[in-house]
Amino acid sequence: MGLDAYVRCRCIQDGIAKAHPFPGRLIINEAAEPGLDGDPSSEEWLVHDRWFGNSCQHGGYLVSERLGNISMVAQIREFVRHLQAKPSPRFPILLERVLYDGTHTGDYVPADQAKDLLEEVQVVLHSRDILSSSEREFFEALCRLCEASIRTENPIMF
């Protein structure tokens, strides 16, 4: 078990994706996830999911990252807590939205928080000399996710 994250591309939102099989029923929710309106059947979901995977050159995702396994995320959480200033936290988004659990799924960091999260990540990356290679890889991947979220205005999904 571990923590994966991704940012969807904008091809569907910008109307440059392949035509949807049920164009009048395509919806995009607040997490930029394409879905079907109404009460779709299992067969309609399968058709929709196949379409999504081939909807554009990105397969629907601009960036997809494996951030780490559950124990690595716990280790990074403790590292960040030790860097944190008192009394106010320096890393509220990192600790409350990303590192709070090593296996959370189905939630996201809204695009309007990506810039603030990127600033928190960059503060940690300034401690590059005390980061292990796996910690550095984690924060560099998170940096790529933040940049993609800022560029697309889509959330970072877990």
N, C-alpha and C. Protein backbone atom coordinates (compact mmCIF):
# COMPACT_ATOMS: atom_id res chain seq x y z
N MET A 1 0.84 -1.18 0.00
CA MET A 1 0.00 0.00 0.00
C MET A 1 0.89 1.24 0.00
N GLY A 2 0.34 2.30 -0.57
CA GLY A 2 1.12 3.51 -0.64
C GLY A 2 0.29 4.69 -1.09
N LEU A 3 0.99 5.72 -1.44
CA LEU A 3 0.36 6.97 -1.82
C LEU A 3 0.73 7.33 -3.25
N ASP A 4 -0.30 7.45 -4.09
CA ASP A 4 -0.14 7.85 -5.48
C ASP A 4 -0.91 9.16 -5.67
N ALA A 5 -0.46 9.97 -6.62
CA ALA A 5 -1.15 11.23 -6.91
C ALA A 5 -1.08 11.53 -8.40
N TYR A 6 -2.04 12.31 -8.86
CA TYR A 6 -2.06 12.67 -10.27
C TYR A 6 -2.78 13.99 -10.47
N VAL A 7 -2.54 14.59 -11.62
CA VAL A 7 -3.24 15.79 -12.06
C VAL A 7 -3.76 15.49 -13.46
N ARG A 8 -5.04 15.71 -13.65
CA ARG A 8 -5.64 15.47 -14.96
C ARG A 8 -5.23 16.58 -15.93
N CYS A 9 -5.14 16.22 -17.20
CA CYS A 9 -4.89 17.23 -18.23
C CYS A 9 -6.18 18.03 -18.45
N ARG A 10 -6.14 19.02 -19.31
CA ARG A 10 -7.30 19.88 -19.60
C ARG A 10 -7.96 19.55 -20.94
N CYS A 11 -7.54 18.49 -21.58
CA CYS A 11 -8.03 18.20 -22.93
C CYS A 11 -9.55 18.09 -23.00
N ILE A 12 -10.16 17.41 -22.05
CA ILE A 12 -11.61 17.26 -22.05
C ILE A 12 -12.27 18.60 -21.76
N GLN A 13 -11.78 19.30 -20.74
CA GLN A 13 -12.35 20.60 -20.38
C GLN A 13 -12.22 21.62 -21.52
N ASP A 14 -11.12 21.55 -22.25
CA ASP A 14 -10.88 22.51 -23.32
C ASP A 14 -11.48 22.09 -24.66
N GLY A 15 -12.14 20.93 -24.67
CA GLY A 15 -12.82 20.48 -25.89
C GLY A 15 -11.91 19.96 -26.98
N ILE A 16 -10.70 19.52 -26.61
CA ILE A 16 -9.78 19.01 -27.63
C ILE A 16 -9.60 17.49 -27.54
N ALA A 17 -10.35 16.87 -26.62
CA ALA A 17 -10.32 15.40 -26.51
C ALA A 17 -11.18 14.79 -27.62
N LYS A 18 -11.01 13.50 -27.84
CA LYS A 18 -11.84 12.78 -28.80
C LYS A 18 -13.31 12.90 -28.38
N ALA A 19 -14.20 12.79 -29.34
CA ALA A 19 -15.63 12.90 -29.07
C ALA A 19 -16.07 11.82 -28.08
N HIS A 20 -16.86 12.23 -27.12
CA HIS A 20 -17.38 11.30 -26.11
C HIS A 20 -18.49 10.45 -26.71
N PRO A 21 -18.59 9.18 -26.32
CA PRO A 21 -19.63 8.32 -26.87
C PRO A 21 -21.05 8.73 -26.49
N PHE A 22 -21.18 9.46 -25.39
CA PHE A 22 -22.48 9.95 -24.93
C PHE A 22 -22.35 11.45 -24.65
N PRO A 23 -22.15 12.27 -25.66
CA PRO A 23 -21.79 13.68 -25.45
C PRO A 23 -22.77 14.47 -24.58
N GLY A 24 -24.04 14.18 -24.67
CA GLY A 24 -25.01 14.92 -23.87
C GLY A 24 -25.01 14.54 -22.41
N ARG A 25 -24.31 13.48 -22.07
CA ARG A 25 -24.30 12.99 -20.68
C ARG A 25 -22.97 13.19 -19.98
N LEU A 26 -21.96 13.68 -20.68
CA LEU A 26 -20.64 13.91 -20.09
C LEU A 26 -20.70 15.07 -19.11
N ILE A 27 -20.22 14.84 -17.90
CA ILE A 27 -20.12 15.89 -16.88
C ILE A 27 -18.68 15.89 -16.35
N ILE A 28 -18.26 17.05 -15.85
CA ILE A 28 -16.95 17.19 -15.20
C ILE A 28 -17.23 17.70 -13.80
N ASN A 29 -16.80 16.97 -12.77
CA ASN A 29 -17.07 17.40 -11.39
C ASN A 29 -16.00 18.37 -10.89
N GLU A 30 -16.11 18.79 -9.62
CA GLU A 30 -15.19 19.79 -9.05
C GLU A 30 -13.75 19.27 -8.96
N ALA A 31 -13.59 17.96 -9.03
CA ALA A 31 -12.25 17.36 -9.01
C ALA A 31 -11.71 17.13 -10.43
N ALA A 32 -12.38 17.73 -11.43
CA ALA A 32 -12.00 17.62 -12.85
C ALA A 32 -12.14 16.19 -13.36
N GLU A 33 -12.95 15.41 -12.70
CA GLU A 33 -13.17 14.02 -13.11
C GLU A 33 -14.36 13.92 -14.06
N PRO A 34 -14.15 13.36 -15.24
CA PRO A 34 -15.27 13.20 -16.16
C PRO A 34 -16.16 12.04 -15.72
N GLY A 35 -17.44 12.24 -15.84
CA GLY A 35 -18.40 11.21 -15.47
C GLY A 35 -19.60 11.24 -16.39
N LEU A 36 -20.60 10.46 -16.03
CA LEU A 36 -21.82 10.38 -16.81
C LEU A 36 -23.00 10.87 -15.99
N ASP A 37 -23.82 11.70 -16.59
CA ASP A 37 -25.02 12.20 -15.95
C ASP A 37 -26.10 11.13 -16.00
N GLY A 38 -27.05 11.23 -15.09
CA GLY A 38 -28.16 10.30 -15.08
C GLY A 38 -27.84 9.04 -14.31
N ASP A 39 -28.39 7.95 -14.74
CA ASP A 39 -28.20 6.66 -14.07
C ASP A 39 -27.57 5.68 -15.05
N PRO A 40 -26.26 5.82 -15.31
CA PRO A 40 -25.61 4.99 -16.33
C PRO A 40 -25.58 3.52 -15.95
N SER A 41 -25.68 2.69 -16.94
CA SER A 41 -25.55 1.24 -16.74
C SER A 41 -24.07 0.88 -16.62
N SER A 42 -23.81 -0.34 -16.21
CA SER A 42 -22.42 -0.83 -16.12
C SER A 42 -21.76 -0.81 -17.50
N GLU A 43 -22.53 -1.16 -18.52
CA GLU A 43 -21.99 -1.16 -19.88
C GLU A 43 -21.62 0.27 -20.32
N GLU A 44 -22.47 1.25 -19.99
CA GLU A 44 -22.17 2.64 -20.33
C GLU A 44 -20.91 3.11 -19.61
N TRP A 45 -20.73 2.71 -18.35
CA TRP A 45 -19.52 3.08 -17.62
C TRP A 45 -18.28 2.48 -18.28
N LEU A 46 -18.39 1.24 -18.72
CA LEU A 46 -17.25 0.60 -19.40
C LEU A 46 -16.89 1.35 -20.68
N VAL A 47 -17.90 1.72 -21.46
CA VAL A 47 -17.65 2.48 -22.69
C VAL A 47 -17.01 3.82 -22.35
N HIS A 48 -17.54 4.50 -21.33
CA HIS A 48 -17.00 5.79 -20.89
C HIS A 48 -15.54 5.64 -20.44
N ASP A 49 -15.27 4.62 -19.63
CA ASP A 49 -13.90 4.42 -19.12
C ASP A 49 -12.92 4.11 -20.25
N ARG A 50 -13.34 3.31 -21.21
CA ARG A 50 -12.47 3.04 -22.37
C ARG A 50 -12.19 4.32 -23.14
N TRP A 51 -13.24 5.12 -23.34
CA TRP A 51 -13.07 6.40 -24.02
C TRP A 51 -12.08 7.27 -23.26
N PHE A 52 -12.25 7.38 -21.94
CA PHE A 52 -11.38 8.25 -21.15
C PHE A 52 -9.91 7.87 -21.31
N GLY A 53 -9.60 6.60 -21.26
CA GLY A 53 -8.22 6.15 -21.39
C GLY A 53 -7.58 6.47 -22.74
N ASN A 54 -8.42 6.71 -23.73
CA ASN A 54 -7.93 7.04 -25.08
C ASN A 54 -8.43 8.40 -25.55
N SER A 55 -8.89 9.22 -24.63
CA SER A 55 -9.54 10.48 -25.01
C SER A 55 -8.57 11.52 -25.57
N CYS A 56 -7.29 11.40 -25.22
CA CYS A 56 -6.30 12.37 -25.70
C CYS A 56 -4.92 11.74 -25.63
N GLN A 57 -3.93 12.51 -26.06
CA GLN A 57 -2.55 12.00 -26.05
C GLN A 57 -2.04 11.73 -24.64
N HIS A 58 -2.66 12.32 -23.63
CA HIS A 58 -2.22 12.13 -22.24
C HIS A 58 -2.95 10.99 -21.54
N GLY A 59 -3.94 10.42 -22.18
CA GLY A 59 -4.75 9.40 -21.51
C GLY A 59 -5.52 9.99 -20.34
N GLY A 60 -5.76 11.30 -20.39
CA GLY A 60 -6.52 11.98 -19.34
C GLY A 60 -5.70 12.54 -18.19
N TYR A 61 -4.43 12.16 -18.11
CA TYR A 61 -3.58 12.58 -16.97
C TYR A 61 -2.34 13.30 -17.47
N LEU A 62 -2.10 14.49 -16.96
CA LEU A 62 -0.90 15.23 -17.33
C LEU A 62 0.31 14.71 -16.56
N VAL A 63 0.12 14.47 -15.25
CA VAL A 63 1.20 13.98 -14.38
C VAL A 63 0.62 12.92 -13.47
N SER A 64 1.34 11.83 -13.31
CA SER A 64 0.96 10.76 -12.39
C SER A 64 2.22 10.33 -11.66
N GLU A 65 2.16 10.29 -10.33
CA GLU A 65 3.36 9.99 -9.54
C GLU A 65 3.06 8.97 -8.45
N ARG A 66 3.95 8.04 -8.28
CA ARG A 66 3.96 7.16 -7.12
C ARG A 66 4.79 7.89 -6.07
N LEU A 67 4.15 8.34 -4.98
CA LEU A 67 4.86 9.14 -3.99
C LEU A 67 5.62 8.28 -2.98
N GLY A 68 5.11 7.13 -2.65
CA GLY A 68 5.82 6.26 -1.73
C GLY A 68 4.91 5.29 -1.03
N ASN A 69 5.52 4.35 -0.31
CA ASN A 69 4.71 3.40 0.45
C ASN A 69 4.33 3.99 1.80
N ILE A 70 3.51 3.27 2.53
CA ILE A 70 2.94 3.79 3.77
C ILE A 70 4.02 4.14 4.80
N SER A 71 5.06 3.33 4.91
CA SER A 71 6.10 3.62 5.91
C SER A 71 6.95 4.81 5.50
N MET A 72 7.20 4.96 4.19
CA MET A 72 7.97 6.12 3.75
C MET A 72 7.21 7.42 3.99
N VAL A 73 5.90 7.41 3.73
CA VAL A 73 5.09 8.61 3.97
C VAL A 73 5.10 8.94 5.47
N ALA A 74 5.03 7.93 6.33
CA ALA A 74 5.09 8.17 7.78
C ALA A 74 6.44 8.78 8.16
N GLN A 75 7.52 8.30 7.57
CA GLN A 75 8.85 8.83 7.83
C GLN A 75 8.95 10.29 7.39
N ILE A 76 8.43 10.60 6.22
CA ILE A 76 8.46 11.97 5.71
C ILE A 76 7.59 12.88 6.57
N ARG A 77 6.44 12.37 7.02
CA ARG A 77 5.57 13.15 7.90
C ARG A 77 6.32 13.56 9.17
N GLU A 78 7.06 12.61 9.77
CA GLU A 78 7.82 12.93 10.99
C GLU A 78 8.94 13.92 10.68
N PHE A 79 9.60 13.77 9.55
CA PHE A 79 10.65 14.70 9.15
C PHE A 79 10.09 16.12 9.03
N VAL A 80 8.94 16.26 8.36
CA VAL A 80 8.33 17.59 8.18
C VAL A 80 7.87 18.16 9.50
N ARG A 81 7.34 17.33 10.39
CA ARG A 81 6.93 17.82 11.72
C ARG A 81 8.12 18.39 12.48
N HIS A 82 9.29 17.80 12.29
CA HIS A 82 10.49 18.30 12.97
C HIS A 82 10.96 19.62 12.38
N LEU A 83 10.68 19.87 11.12
CA LEU A 83 11.04 21.14 10.47
C LEU A 83 10.07 22.27 10.81
N GLN A 84 8.91 21.87 11.29
CA GLN A 84 7.83 22.83 11.49
C GLN A 84 8.17 23.84 12.60
N ALA A 85 7.78 25.09 12.36
CA ALA A 85 7.98 26.16 13.35
C ALA A 85 6.87 26.12 14.38
N LYS A 86 7.16 26.63 15.56
CA LYS A 86 6.16 26.73 16.61
C LYS A 86 6.01 28.20 16.96
N PRO A 87 4.85 28.69 17.26
CA PRO A 87 3.59 27.98 17.48
C PRO A 87 2.78 27.74 16.21
N SER A 88 3.04 28.47 15.14
CA SER A 88 2.22 28.28 13.94
C SER A 88 2.91 27.33 12.97
N PRO A 89 2.14 26.50 12.29
CA PRO A 89 2.75 25.52 11.37
C PRO A 89 3.24 26.17 10.09
N ARG A 90 4.40 25.71 9.61
CA ARG A 90 4.95 26.17 8.33
C ARG A 90 4.45 25.31 7.18
N PHE A 91 3.90 24.16 7.51
CA PHE A 91 3.54 23.19 6.48
C PHE A 91 2.10 22.68 6.65
N PRO A 92 1.13 23.57 6.73
CA PRO A 92 -0.24 23.09 6.99
C PRO A 92 -0.81 22.22 5.88
N ILE A 93 -0.56 22.55 4.63
CA ILE A 93 -1.13 21.76 3.54
C ILE A 93 -0.41 20.41 3.44
N LEU A 94 0.90 20.43 3.54
CA LEU A 94 1.66 19.18 3.50
C LEU A 94 1.18 18.21 4.58
N LEU A 95 1.05 18.71 5.81
CA LEU A 95 0.71 17.83 6.91
C LEU A 95 -0.78 17.46 6.94
N GLU A 96 -1.65 18.38 6.58
CA GLU A 96 -3.09 18.13 6.72
C GLU A 96 -3.74 17.57 5.45
N ARG A 97 -3.13 17.77 4.28
CA ARG A 97 -3.77 17.33 3.03
C ARG A 97 -2.98 16.26 2.29
N VAL A 98 -1.67 16.14 2.57
CA VAL A 98 -0.84 15.19 1.82
C VAL A 98 -0.29 14.08 2.71
N LEU A 99 0.37 14.44 3.78
CA LEU A 99 1.10 13.47 4.60
C LEU A 99 0.32 12.90 5.78
N TYR A 100 -0.93 13.27 5.94
CA TYR A 100 -1.67 12.83 7.12
C TYR A 100 -1.88 11.32 7.16
N ASP A 101 -1.79 10.66 6.02
CA ASP A 101 -1.99 9.22 5.94
C ASP A 101 -1.22 8.72 4.72
N GLY A 102 -0.60 7.59 4.85
CA GLY A 102 0.20 7.06 3.75
C GLY A 102 -0.57 6.31 2.69
N THR A 103 -1.90 6.21 2.84
CA THR A 103 -2.68 5.48 1.85
C THR A 103 -3.98 6.17 1.50
N HIS A 104 -4.13 7.45 1.81
CA HIS A 104 -5.43 8.08 1.53
C HIS A 104 -5.69 8.12 0.02
N THR A 105 -6.93 7.91 -0.35
CA THR A 105 -7.34 7.95 -1.75
C THR A 105 -8.71 8.60 -1.86
N GLY A 106 -8.98 9.15 -3.03
CA GLY A 106 -10.28 9.75 -3.28
C GLY A 106 -10.39 11.19 -2.84
N ASP A 107 -9.34 11.74 -2.25
CA ASP A 107 -9.38 13.14 -1.87
C ASP A 107 -8.39 13.93 -2.73
N TYR A 108 -8.32 15.22 -2.50
CA TYR A 108 -7.49 16.05 -3.36
C TYR A 108 -7.11 17.36 -2.69
N VAL A 109 -6.07 17.97 -3.26
CA VAL A 109 -5.68 19.33 -2.91
C VAL A 109 -6.24 20.21 -4.02
N PRO A 110 -7.15 21.13 -3.68
CA PRO A 110 -7.73 21.99 -4.72
C PRO A 110 -6.66 22.79 -5.45
N ALA A 111 -6.93 23.08 -6.71
CA ALA A 111 -5.95 23.82 -7.53
C ALA A 111 -5.60 25.17 -6.92
N ASP A 112 -6.55 25.81 -6.24
CA ASP A 112 -6.25 27.12 -5.66
C ASP A 112 -5.32 27.04 -4.45
N GLN A 113 -5.00 25.83 -4.00
CA GLN A 113 -4.02 25.65 -2.91
C GLN A 113 -2.68 25.12 -3.42
N ALA A 114 -2.59 24.84 -4.71
CA ALA A 114 -1.37 24.25 -5.27
C ALA A 114 -0.17 25.19 -5.15
N LYS A 115 -0.39 26.47 -5.33
CA LYS A 115 0.73 27.42 -5.22
C LYS A 115 1.27 27.45 -3.79
N ASP A 116 0.37 27.46 -2.80
CA ASP A 116 0.80 27.45 -1.40
C ASP A 116 1.51 26.14 -1.06
N LEU A 117 0.99 25.02 -1.58
CA LEU A 117 1.65 23.74 -1.35
C LEU A 117 3.04 23.73 -1.99
N LEU A 118 3.15 24.28 -3.19
CA LEU A 118 4.45 24.35 -3.86
C LEU A 118 5.45 25.15 -3.01
N GLU A 119 5.01 26.23 -2.41
CA GLU A 119 5.90 27.01 -1.54
C GLU A 119 6.36 26.18 -0.35
N GLU A 120 5.45 25.40 0.25
CA GLU A 120 5.84 24.53 1.37
C GLU A 120 6.86 23.49 0.91
N VAL A 121 6.63 22.90 -0.25
CA VAL A 121 7.55 21.89 -0.79
C VAL A 121 8.91 22.50 -1.07
N GLN A 122 8.94 23.71 -1.61
CA GLN A 122 10.21 24.36 -1.90
C GLN A 122 10.99 24.69 -0.62
N VAL A 123 10.28 25.01 0.46
CA VAL A 123 10.96 25.24 1.75
C VAL A 123 11.66 23.95 2.18
N VAL A 124 10.97 22.82 2.05
CA VAL A 124 11.58 21.54 2.42
C VAL A 124 12.76 21.23 1.50
N LEU A 125 12.61 21.49 0.22
CA LEU A 125 13.70 21.20 -0.73
C LEU A 125 14.93 22.08 -0.48
N HIS A 126 14.75 23.20 0.21
CA HIS A 126 15.92 24.01 0.58
C HIS A 126 16.77 23.30 1.62
N SER A 127 16.20 22.27 2.24
CA SER A 127 16.95 21.44 3.20
C SER A 127 17.56 20.25 2.50
N ARG A 128 17.83 20.39 1.21
CA ARG A 128 18.30 19.32 0.34
C ARG A 128 19.47 18.52 0.96
N ASP A 129 20.36 19.20 1.67
CA ASP A 129 21.53 18.51 2.20
C ASP A 129 21.19 17.53 3.33
N ILE A 130 20.02 17.65 3.94
CA ILE A 130 19.65 16.70 4.99
C ILE A 130 18.57 15.72 4.53
N LEU A 131 18.17 15.80 3.27
CA LEU A 131 17.17 14.88 2.73
C LEU A 131 17.84 13.62 2.18
N SER A 132 17.23 12.49 2.45
CA SER A 132 17.70 11.25 1.82
C SER A 132 17.28 11.30 0.35
N SER A 133 17.81 10.41 -0.45
CA SER A 133 17.44 10.41 -1.87
C SER A 133 15.96 10.11 -2.06
N SER A 134 15.38 9.22 -1.26
CA SER A 134 13.95 8.92 -1.39
C SER A 134 13.09 10.10 -0.94
N GLU A 135 13.52 10.83 0.08
CA GLU A 135 12.79 12.03 0.50
C GLU A 135 12.86 13.11 -0.58
N ARG A 136 14.03 13.28 -1.16
CA ARG A 136 14.20 14.25 -2.24
C ARG A 136 13.31 13.90 -3.43
N GLU A 137 13.28 12.62 -3.79
CA GLU A 137 12.41 12.16 -4.89
C GLU A 137 10.94 12.44 -4.58
N PHE A 138 10.53 12.21 -3.34
CA PHE A 138 9.15 12.48 -2.93
C PHE A 138 8.80 13.94 -3.17
N PHE A 139 9.64 14.85 -2.67
CA PHE A 139 9.33 16.27 -2.77
C PHE A 139 9.49 16.79 -4.21
N GLU A 140 10.38 16.22 -4.98
CA GLU A 140 10.49 16.60 -6.39
C GLU A 140 9.25 16.15 -7.17
N ALA A 141 8.72 14.96 -6.85
CA ALA A 141 7.48 14.49 -7.48
C ALA A 141 6.31 15.39 -7.08
N LEU A 142 6.26 15.76 -5.82
CA LEU A 142 5.20 16.65 -5.35
C LEU A 142 5.31 18.02 -6.02
N CYS A 143 6.51 18.47 -6.26
CA CYS A 143 6.74 19.72 -6.98
C CYS A 143 6.17 19.63 -8.39
N ARG A 144 6.42 18.53 -9.09
CA ARG A 144 5.88 18.34 -10.44
C ARG A 144 4.35 18.34 -10.43
N LEU A 145 3.77 17.72 -9.41
CA LEU A 145 2.31 17.70 -9.29
C LEU A 145 1.76 19.11 -9.06
N CYS A 146 2.41 19.87 -8.19
CA CYS A 146 1.97 21.25 -7.92
C CYS A 146 2.05 22.10 -9.18
N GLU A 147 3.15 21.99 -9.89
CA GLU A 147 3.32 22.77 -11.12
C GLU A 147 2.26 22.41 -12.16
N ALA A 148 1.93 21.13 -12.28
CA ALA A 148 0.89 20.70 -13.22
C ALA A 148 -0.48 21.22 -12.78
N SER A 149 -0.73 21.21 -11.49
CA SER A 149 -2.00 21.72 -10.97
C SER A 149 -2.14 23.21 -11.23
N ILE A 150 -1.08 23.95 -11.01
CA ILE A 150 -1.10 25.39 -11.28
C ILE A 150 -1.33 25.65 -12.76
N ARG A 151 -0.64 24.90 -13.61
CA ARG A 151 -0.74 25.09 -15.06
C ARG A 151 -2.14 24.73 -15.59
N THR A 152 -2.73 23.66 -15.09
CA THR A 152 -4.03 23.19 -15.60
C THR A 152 -5.23 23.75 -14.85
N GLU A 153 -4.97 24.26 -13.64
CA GLU A 153 -6.04 24.69 -12.73
C GLU A 153 -6.92 23.49 -12.33
N ASN A 154 -6.33 22.30 -12.35
CA ASN A 154 -7.00 21.08 -11.87
C ASN A 154 -6.36 20.67 -10.56
N PRO A 155 -7.11 20.01 -9.69
CA PRO A 155 -6.58 19.61 -8.38
C PRO A 155 -5.55 18.50 -8.48
N ILE A 156 -4.80 18.33 -7.40
CA ILE A 156 -3.91 17.18 -7.23
C ILE A 156 -4.76 16.11 -6.55
N MET A 157 -4.95 15.01 -7.24
CA MET A 157 -5.80 13.92 -6.75
C MET A 157 -4.95 12.82 -6.12
N PHE A 158 -5.50 12.20 -5.10
CA PHE A 158 -4.84 11.07 -4.44
C PHE A 158 -5.72 9.84 -4.56
